[in-house]
């Protein structure tokens, strides 16, 4: 697995990998992570993959991280 790029962000660690004919966009926030896999043939270049990580994309990911944290919190409190 090769690291293509890291994208600076104040709340998330964002890393783009190239592996097994796919690009992976990995976002990490504390104990949680999200990975998006993109077939190599669906994009023209590594730069195109980086351009997918827009402000809107990041806002959606942060919303999902918040939902993940809430789900875990709820699960831990109902046992």
PDB file of N, CA and C in Angstrom:
ATOM      1  N   UNK A   1       0.867  -1.172   0.000  1.00  0.00           N
ATOM      2  CA  UNK A   1       0.000   0.000   0.000  1.00  0.00           C
ATOM      3  C   UNK A   1       0.908   1.227   0.000  1.00  0.00           C
ATOM      4  N   UNK A   2       0.621   2.131  -0.882  1.00  0.00           N
ATOM      5  CA  UNK A   2       1.439   3.336  -1.032  1.00  0.00           C
ATOM      6  C   UNK A   2       0.632   4.563  -0.617  1.00  0.00           C
ATOM      7  N   UNK A   3       1.239   5.413   0.203  1.00  0.00           N
ATOM      8  CA  UNK A   3       0.597   6.674   0.563  1.00  0.00           C
ATOM      9  C   UNK A   3       0.776   7.638  -0.606  1.00  0.00           C
ATOM     10  N   UNK A   4      -0.335   8.124  -1.121  1.00  0.00           N
ATOM     11  CA  UNK A   4      -0.314   9.073  -2.232  1.00  0.00           C
ATOM     12  C   UNK A   4      -0.195  10.489  -1.699  1.00  0.00           C
ATOM     13  N   UNK A   5      -0.978  10.770  -0.653  1.00  0.00           N
ATOM     14  CA  UNK A   5      -1.034  12.143  -0.162  1.00  0.00           C
ATOM     15  C   UNK A   5      -1.668  12.165   1.217  1.00  0.00           C
ATOM     16  N   UNK A   6      -1.344  13.202   1.967  1.00  0.00           N
ATOM     17  CA  UNK A   6      -2.047  13.519   3.197  1.00  0.00           C
ATOM     18  C   UNK A   6      -2.611  14.918   3.031  1.00  0.00           C
ATOM     19  N   UNK A   7      -3.856  15.088   3.429  1.00  0.00           N
ATOM     20  CA  UNK A   7      -4.523  16.382   3.288  1.00  0.00           C
ATOM     21  C   UNK A   7      -4.671  16.981   4.682  1.00  0.00           C
ATOM     22  N   UNK A   8      -4.130  18.161   4.852  1.00  0.00           N
ATOM     23  CA  UNK A   8      -4.185  18.820   6.156  1.00  0.00           C
ATOM     24  C   UNK A   8      -5.612  19.245   6.483  1.00  0.00           C
ATOM     25  N   UNK A   9      -6.015  18.970   7.719  1.00  0.00           N
ATOM     26  CA  UNK A   9      -7.337  19.382   8.194  1.00  0.00           C
ATOM     27  C   UNK A   9      -7.261  19.498   9.708  1.00  0.00           C
ATOM     28  N   UNK A  10      -7.905  20.509  10.294  1.00  0.00           N
ATOM     29  CA  UNK A  10      -7.788  20.713  11.744  1.00  0.00           C
ATOM     30  C   UNK A  10      -8.488  19.651  12.599  1.00  0.00           C
ATOM     31  N   UNK A  11      -9.488  18.955  12.054  1.00  0.00           N
ATOM     32  CA  UNK A  11     -10.249  17.986  12.849  1.00  0.00           C
ATOM     33  C   UNK A  11      -9.980  16.535  12.477  1.00  0.00           C
ATOM     34  N   UNK A  12      -9.553  16.293  11.263  1.00  0.00           N
ATOM     35  CA  UNK A  12      -9.417  14.933  10.753  1.00  0.00           C
ATOM     36  C   UNK A  12      -8.012  14.678  10.243  1.00  0.00           C
ATOM     37  N   UNK A  13      -7.628  13.416  10.293  1.00  0.00           N
ATOM     38  CA  UNK A  13      -6.441  12.982   9.568  1.00  0.00           C
ATOM     39  C   UNK A  13      -6.959  12.386   8.268  1.00  0.00           C
ATOM     40  N   UNK A  14      -6.518  12.929   7.158  1.00  0.00           N
ATOM     41  CA  UNK A  14      -6.990  12.473   5.846  1.00  0.00           C
ATOM     42  C   UNK A  14      -5.789  11.971   5.057  1.00  0.00           C
ATOM     43  N   UNK A  15      -5.862  10.698   4.666  1.00  0.00           N
ATOM     44  CA  UNK A  15      -4.773  10.080   3.921  1.00  0.00           C
ATOM     45  C   UNK A  15      -5.348   9.424   2.678  1.00  0.00           C
ATOM     46  N   UNK A  16      -4.645   9.574   1.569  1.00  0.00           N
ATOM     47  CA  UNK A  16      -5.029   8.921   0.322  1.00  0.00           C
ATOM     48  C   UNK A  16      -3.968   7.866   0.013  1.00  0.00           C
ATOM     49  N   UNK A  17      -4.439   6.648  -0.223  1.00  0.00           N
ATOM     50  CA  UNK A  17      -3.563   5.522  -0.529  1.00  0.00           C
ATOM     51  C   UNK A  17      -3.852   5.005  -1.933  1.00  0.00           C
ATOM     52  N   UNK A  18      -2.867   4.306  -2.485  1.00  0.00           N
ATOM     53  CA  UNK A  18      -3.074   3.555  -3.724  1.00  0.00           C
ATOM     54  C   UNK A  18      -2.699   2.119  -3.416  1.00  0.00           C
ATOM     55  N   UNK A  19      -3.652   1.204  -3.690  1.00  0.00           N
ATOM     56  CA  UNK A  19      -3.417  -0.201  -3.356  1.00  0.00           C
ATOM     57  C   UNK A  19      -4.346  -1.090  -4.162  1.00  0.00           C
ATOM     58  N   UNK A  20      -3.784  -2.121  -4.746  1.00  0.00           N
ATOM     59  CA  UNK A  20      -4.582  -3.164  -5.398  1.00  0.00           C
ATOM     60  C   UNK A  20      -5.560  -2.591  -6.430  1.00  0.00           C
ATOM     61  N   UNK A  21      -5.070  -1.717  -7.298  1.00  0.00           N
ATOM     62  CA  UNK A  21      -5.859  -1.088  -8.361  1.00  0.00           C
ATOM     63  C   UNK A  21      -6.993  -0.218  -7.838  1.00  0.00           C
ATOM     64  N   UNK A  22      -6.818   0.286  -6.629  1.00  0.00           N
ATOM     65  CA  UNK A  22      -7.808   1.176  -6.024  1.00  0.00           C
ATOM     66  C   UNK A  22      -7.109   2.331  -5.332  1.00  0.00           C
ATOM     67  N   UNK A  23      -7.844   3.412  -5.245  1.00  0.00           N
ATOM     68  CA  UNK A  23      -7.452   4.511  -4.366  1.00  0.00           C
ATOM     69  C   UNK A  23      -8.327   4.420  -3.128  1.00  0.00           C
ATOM     70  N   UNK A  24      -7.757   4.685  -1.986  1.00  0.00           N
ATOM     71  CA  UNK A  24      -8.503   4.698  -0.741  1.00  0.00           C
ATOM     72  C   UNK A  24      -8.374   6.075  -0.117  1.00  0.00           C
ATOM     73  N   UNK A  25      -9.494   6.657   0.237  1.00  0.00           N
ATOM     74  CA  UNK A  25      -9.508   7.905   0.993  1.00  0.00           C
ATOM     75  C   UNK A  25      -9.864   7.517   2.420  1.00  0.00           C
ATOM     76  N   UNK A  26      -8.917   7.685   3.324  1.00  0.00           N
ATOM     77  CA  UNK A  26      -9.128   7.292   4.718  1.00  0.00           C
ATOM     78  C   UNK A  26      -9.196   8.542   5.579  1.00  0.00           C
ATOM     79  N   UNK A  27     -10.280   8.656   6.326  1.00  0.00           N
ATOM     80  CA  UNK A  27     -10.463   9.771   7.250  1.00  0.00           C
ATOM     81  C   UNK A  27     -10.491   9.211   8.662  1.00  0.00           C
ATOM     82  N   UNK A  28      -9.751   9.851   9.563  1.00  0.00           N
ATOM     83  CA  UNK A  28      -9.693   9.392  10.943  1.00  0.00           C
ATOM     84  C   UNK A  28     -10.035  10.543  11.874  1.00  0.00           C
ATOM     85  N   UNK A  29     -10.841  10.210  12.887  1.00  0.00           N
ATOM     86  CA  UNK A  29     -11.207  11.174  13.926  1.00  0.00           C
ATOM     87  C   UNK A  29     -11.228  10.415  15.246  1.00  0.00           C
ATOM     88  N   UNK A  30     -10.212  10.597  16.054  1.00  0.00           N
ATOM     89  CA  UNK A  30     -10.146   9.892  17.327  1.00  0.00           C
ATOM     90  C   UNK A  30     -10.125   8.390  17.112  1.00  0.00           C
ATOM     91  N   UNK A  31     -11.068   7.680  17.729  1.00  0.00           N
ATOM     92  CA  UNK A  31     -11.131   6.226  17.639  1.00  0.00           C
ATOM     93  C   UNK A  31     -11.868   5.726  16.403  1.00  0.00           C
ATOM     94  N   UNK A  32     -12.395   6.632  15.602  1.00  0.00           N
ATOM     95  CA  UNK A  32     -13.223   6.249  14.456  1.00  0.00           C
ATOM     96  C   UNK A  32     -12.491   6.500  13.142  1.00  0.00           C
ATOM     97  N   UNK A  33     -12.854   5.699  12.132  1.00  0.00           N
ATOM     98  CA  UNK A  33     -12.308   5.939  10.797  1.00  0.00           C
ATOM     99  C   UNK A  33     -13.345   5.580   9.742  1.00  0.00           C
ATOM    100  N   UNK A  34     -13.192   6.225   8.603  1.00  0.00           N
ATOM    101  CA  UNK A  34     -14.018   5.950   7.425  1.00  0.00           C
ATOM    102  C   UNK A  34     -13.063   5.771   6.260  1.00  0.00           C
ATOM    103  N   UNK A  35     -13.349   4.779   5.425  1.00  0.00           N
ATOM    104  CA  UNK A  35     -12.522   4.545   4.243  1.00  0.00           C
ATOM    105  C   UNK A  35     -13.426   4.457   3.021  1.00  0.00           C
ATOM    106  N   UNK A  36     -13.063   5.189   2.004  1.00  0.00           N
ATOM    107  CA  UNK A  36     -13.790   5.197   0.735  1.00  0.00           C
ATOM    108  C   UNK A  36     -12.868   4.618  -0.314  1.00  0.00           C
ATOM    109  N   UNK A  37     -13.341   3.579  -1.013  1.00  0.00           N
ATOM    110  CA  UNK A  37     -12.541   2.918  -2.037  1.00  0.00           C
ATOM    111  C   UNK A  37     -13.039   3.327  -3.412  1.00  0.00           C
ATOM    112  N   UNK A  38     -12.089   3.666  -4.261  1.00  0.00           N
ATOM    113  CA  UNK A  38     -12.411   4.121  -5.613  1.00  0.00           C
ATOM    114  C   UNK A  38     -11.598   3.274  -6.592  1.00  0.00           C
ATOM    115  N   UNK A  39     -12.273   2.679  -7.539  1.00  0.00           N
ATOM    116  CA  UNK A  39     -11.564   1.901  -8.552  1.00  0.00           C
ATOM    117  C   UNK A  39     -10.628   2.819  -9.329  1.00  0.00           C
ATOM    118  N   UNK A  40      -9.453   2.325  -9.607  1.00  0.00           N
ATOM    119  CA  UNK A  40      -8.440   3.101 -10.316  1.00  0.00           C
ATOM    120  C   UNK A  40      -8.952   3.624 -11.658  1.00  0.00           C
ATOM    121  N   UNK A  41      -9.767   2.829 -12.335  1.00  0.00           N
ATOM    122  CA  UNK A  41     -10.251   3.232 -13.663  1.00  0.00           C
ATOM    123  C   UNK A  41     -11.399   4.247 -13.604  1.00  0.00           C
ATOM    124  N   UNK A  42     -11.907   4.547 -12.399  1.00  0.00           N
ATOM    125  CA  UNK A  42     -12.982   5.541 -12.266  1.00  0.00           C
ATOM    126  C   UNK A  42     -12.464   6.982 -12.189  1.00  0.00           C
ATOM    127  N   UNK A  43     -11.147   7.135 -12.082  1.00  0.00           N
ATOM    128  CA  UNK A  43     -10.544   8.471 -12.037  1.00  0.00           C
ATOM    129  C   UNK A  43      -9.369   8.505 -12.999  1.00  0.00           C
ATOM    130  N   UNK A  44      -9.022   9.724 -13.416  1.00  0.00           N
ATOM    131  CA  UNK A  44      -7.943   9.872 -14.392  1.00  0.00           C
ATOM    132  C   UNK A  44      -6.567  10.024 -13.759  1.00  0.00           C
ATOM    133  N   UNK A  45      -6.535  10.456 -12.496  1.00  0.00           N
ATOM    134  CA  UNK A  45      -5.235  10.712 -11.878  1.00  0.00           C
ATOM    135  C   UNK A  45      -5.360  10.778 -10.364  1.00  0.00           C
ATOM    136  N   UNK A  46      -4.214  10.773  -9.702  1.00  0.00           N
ATOM    137  CA  UNK A  46      -4.195  10.933  -8.249  1.00  0.00           C
ATOM    138  C   UNK A  46      -4.719  12.310  -7.852  1.00  0.00           C
ATOM    139  N   UNK A  47      -4.429  13.305  -8.667  1.00  0.00           N
ATOM    140  CA  UNK A  47      -4.940  14.649  -8.379  1.00  0.00           C
ATOM    141  C   UNK A  47      -6.464  14.684  -8.398  1.00  0.00           C
ATOM    142  N   UNK A  48      -7.072  13.915  -9.276  1.00  0.00           N
ATOM    143  CA  UNK A  48      -8.532  13.867  -9.334  1.00  0.00           C
ATOM    144  C   UNK A  48      -9.097  13.266  -8.040  1.00  0.00           C
ATOM    145  N   UNK A  49      -8.403  12.289  -7.480  1.00  0.00           N
ATOM    146  CA  UNK A  49      -8.837  11.706  -6.210  1.00  0.00           C
ATOM    147  C   UNK A  49      -8.789  12.771  -5.113  1.00  0.00           C
ATOM    148  N   UNK A  50      -7.713  13.531  -5.062  1.00  0.00           N
ATOM    149  CA  UNK A  50      -7.578  14.597  -4.056  1.00  0.00           C
ATOM    150  C   UNK A  50      -8.701  15.619  -4.184  1.00  0.00           C
ATOM    151  N   UNK A  51      -9.106  15.917  -5.413  1.00  0.00           N
ATOM    152  CA  UNK A  51     -10.165  16.904  -5.639  1.00  0.00           C
ATOM    153  C   UNK A  51     -11.530  16.427  -5.153  1.00  0.00           C
ATOM    154  N   UNK A  52     -11.683  15.118  -4.943  1.00  0.00           N
ATOM    155  CA  UNK A  52     -12.944  14.598  -4.407  1.00  0.00           C
ATOM    156  C   UNK A  52     -13.158  15.001  -2.950  1.00  0.00           C
ATOM    157  N   UNK A  53     -12.064  15.289  -2.263  1.00  0.00           N
ATOM    158  CA  UNK A  53     -12.132  15.628  -0.836  1.00  0.00           C
ATOM    159  C   UNK A  53     -12.423  17.127  -0.710  1.00  0.00           C
ATOM    160  N   UNK A  54     -13.676  17.469  -0.943  1.00  0.00           N
ATOM    161  CA  UNK A  54     -14.126  18.862  -0.891  1.00  0.00           C
ATOM    162  C   UNK A  54     -14.616  19.201   0.518  1.00  0.00           C
ATOM    163  N   UNK A  55     -14.920  20.469   0.742  1.00  0.00           N
ATOM    164  CA  UNK A  55     -15.494  20.876   2.027  1.00  0.00           C
ATOM    165  C   UNK A  55     -16.803  20.140   2.295  1.00  0.00           C
ATOM    166  N   UNK A  56     -17.617  19.970   1.279  1.00  0.00           N
ATOM    167  CA  UNK A  56     -18.889  19.265   1.425  1.00  0.00           C
ATOM    168  C   UNK A  56     -18.658  17.795   1.803  1.00  0.00           C
ATOM    169  N   UNK A  57     -17.694  17.158   1.151  1.00  0.00           N
ATOM    170  CA  UNK A  57     -17.346  15.772   1.448  1.00  0.00           C
ATOM    171  C   UNK A  57     -16.905  15.651   2.913  1.00  0.00           C
ATOM    172  N   UNK A  58     -16.068  16.564   3.353  1.00  0.00           N
ATOM    173  CA  UNK A  58     -15.567  16.541   4.729  1.00  0.00           C
ATOM    174  C   UNK A  58     -16.693  16.798   5.728  1.00  0.00           C
ATOM    175  N   UNK A  59     -17.576  17.747   5.435  1.00  0.00           N
ATOM    176  CA  UNK A  59     -18.714  18.007   6.343  1.00  0.00           C
ATOM    177  C   UNK A  59     -19.575  16.763   6.499  1.00  0.00           C
ATOM    178  N   UNK A  60     -19.834  16.071   5.414  1.00  0.00           N
ATOM    179  CA  UNK A  60     -20.607  14.837   5.475  1.00  0.00           C
ATOM    180  C   UNK A  60     -19.904  13.777   6.313  1.00  0.00           C
ATOM    181  N   UNK A  61     -18.593  13.666   6.152  1.00  0.00           N
ATOM    182  CA  UNK A  61     -17.830  12.693   6.929  1.00  0.00           C
ATOM    183  C   UNK A  61     -17.868  13.039   8.417  1.00  0.00           C
ATOM    184  N   UNK A  62     -17.750  14.311   8.749  1.00  0.00           N
ATOM    185  CA  UNK A  62     -17.818  14.726  10.155  1.00  0.00           C
ATOM    186  C   UNK A  62     -19.188  14.412  10.736  1.00  0.00           C
ATOM    187  N   UNK A  63     -20.246  14.643   9.961  1.00  0.00           N
ATOM    188  CA  UNK A  63     -21.592  14.275  10.419  1.00  0.00           C
ATOM    189  C   UNK A  63     -21.670  12.774  10.712  1.00  0.00           C
ATOM    190  N   UNK A  64     -21.086  11.960   9.821  1.00  0.00           N
ATOM    191  CA  UNK A  64     -21.109  10.511  10.041  1.00  0.00           C
ATOM    192  C   UNK A  64     -20.270  10.129  11.259  1.00  0.00           C
ATOM    193  N   UNK A  65     -19.147  10.799  11.473  1.00  0.00           N
ATOM    194  CA  UNK A  65     -18.344  10.534  12.677  1.00  0.00           C
ATOM    195  C   UNK A  65     -19.165  10.829  13.936  1.00  0.00           C
ATOM    196  N   UNK A  66     -19.901  11.924  13.905  1.00  0.00           N
ATOM    197  CA  UNK A  66     -20.749  12.259  15.056  1.00  0.00           C
ATOM    198  C   UNK A  66     -21.821  11.200  15.270  1.00  0.00           C
ATOM    199  N   UNK A  67     -22.406  10.695  14.181  1.00  0.00           N
ATOM    200  CA  UNK A  67     -23.402   9.627  14.286  1.00  0.00           C
ATOM    201  C   UNK A  67     -22.773   8.338  14.828  1.00  0.00           C
ATOM    202  N   UNK A  68     -21.556   8.056  14.390  1.00  0.00           N
ATOM    203  CA  UNK A  68     -20.859   6.873  14.876  1.00  0.00           C
ATOM    204  C   UNK A  68     -20.609   6.982  16.379  1.00  0.00           C
ATOM    205  N   UNK A  69     -20.160   8.140  16.825  1.00  0.00           N
ATOM    206  CA  UNK A  69     -19.894   8.344  18.248  1.00  0.00           C
ATOM    207  C   UNK A  69     -21.176   8.205  19.060  1.00  0.00           C
ATOM    208  N   UNK A  70     -22.256   8.747  18.538  1.00  0.00           N
ATOM    209  CA  UNK A  70     -23.546   8.654  19.234  1.00  0.00           C
ATOM    210  C   UNK A  70     -24.013   7.199  19.305  1.00  0.00           C
ATOM    211  N   UNK A  71     -23.862   6.456  18.224  1.00  0.00           N
ATOM    212  CA  UNK A  71     -24.256   5.048  18.212  1.00  0.00           C
ATOM    213  C   UNK A  71     -23.452   4.246  19.225  1.00  0.00           C
ATOM    214  N   UNK A  72     -22.164   4.480  19.269  1.00  0.00           N
ATOM    215  CA  UNK A  72     -21.326   3.764  20.227  1.00  0.00           C
ATOM    216  C   UNK A  72     -21.705   4.142  21.654  1.00  0.00           C
ATOM    217  N   UNK A  73     -21.898   5.428  21.887  1.00  0.00           N
ATOM    218  CA  UNK A  73     -22.307   5.902  23.212  1.00  0.00           C
ATOM    219  C   UNK A  73     -23.611   5.238  23.646  1.00  0.00           C
ATOM    220  N   UNK A  74     -24.589   5.207  22.753  1.00  0.00           N
ATOM    221  CA  UNK A  74     -25.878   4.588  23.056  1.00  0.00           C
ATOM    222  C   UNK A  74     -25.719   3.092  23.325  1.00  0.00           C
ATOM    223  N   UNK A  75     -24.912   2.431  22.544  1.00  0.00           N
ATOM    224  CA  UNK A  75     -24.701   0.992  22.735  1.00  0.00           C
ATOM    225  C   UNK A  75     -24.044   0.704  24.080  1.00  0.00           C
ATOM    226  N   UNK A  76     -23.084   1.524  24.447  1.00  0.00           N
ATOM    227  CA  UNK A  76     -22.394   1.320  25.720  1.00  0.00           C
ATOM    228  C   UNK A  76     -23.299   1.588  26.909  1.00  0.00           C
ATOM    229  N   UNK A  77     -24.245   2.494  26.737  1.00  0.00           N
ATOM    230  CA  UNK A  77     -25.121   2.855  27.848  1.00  0.00           C
ATOM    231  C   UNK A  77     -26.361   1.976  27.969  1.00  0.00           C
ATOM    232  N   UNK A  78     -26.576   1.077  27.027  1.00  0.00           N
ATOM    233  CA  UNK A  78     -27.753   0.205  27.096  1.00  0.00           C
ATOM    234  C   UNK A  78     -27.389  -1.220  27.466  1.00  0.00           C
ATOM    235  N   UNK A  79     -26.170  -1.461  27.798  1.00  0.00           N
ATOM    236  CA  UNK A  79     -25.786  -2.846  28.152  1.00  0.00           C
ATOM    237  C   UNK A  79     -25.950  -3.105  29.614  1.00  0.00           C
TER     238      UNK A  79
END
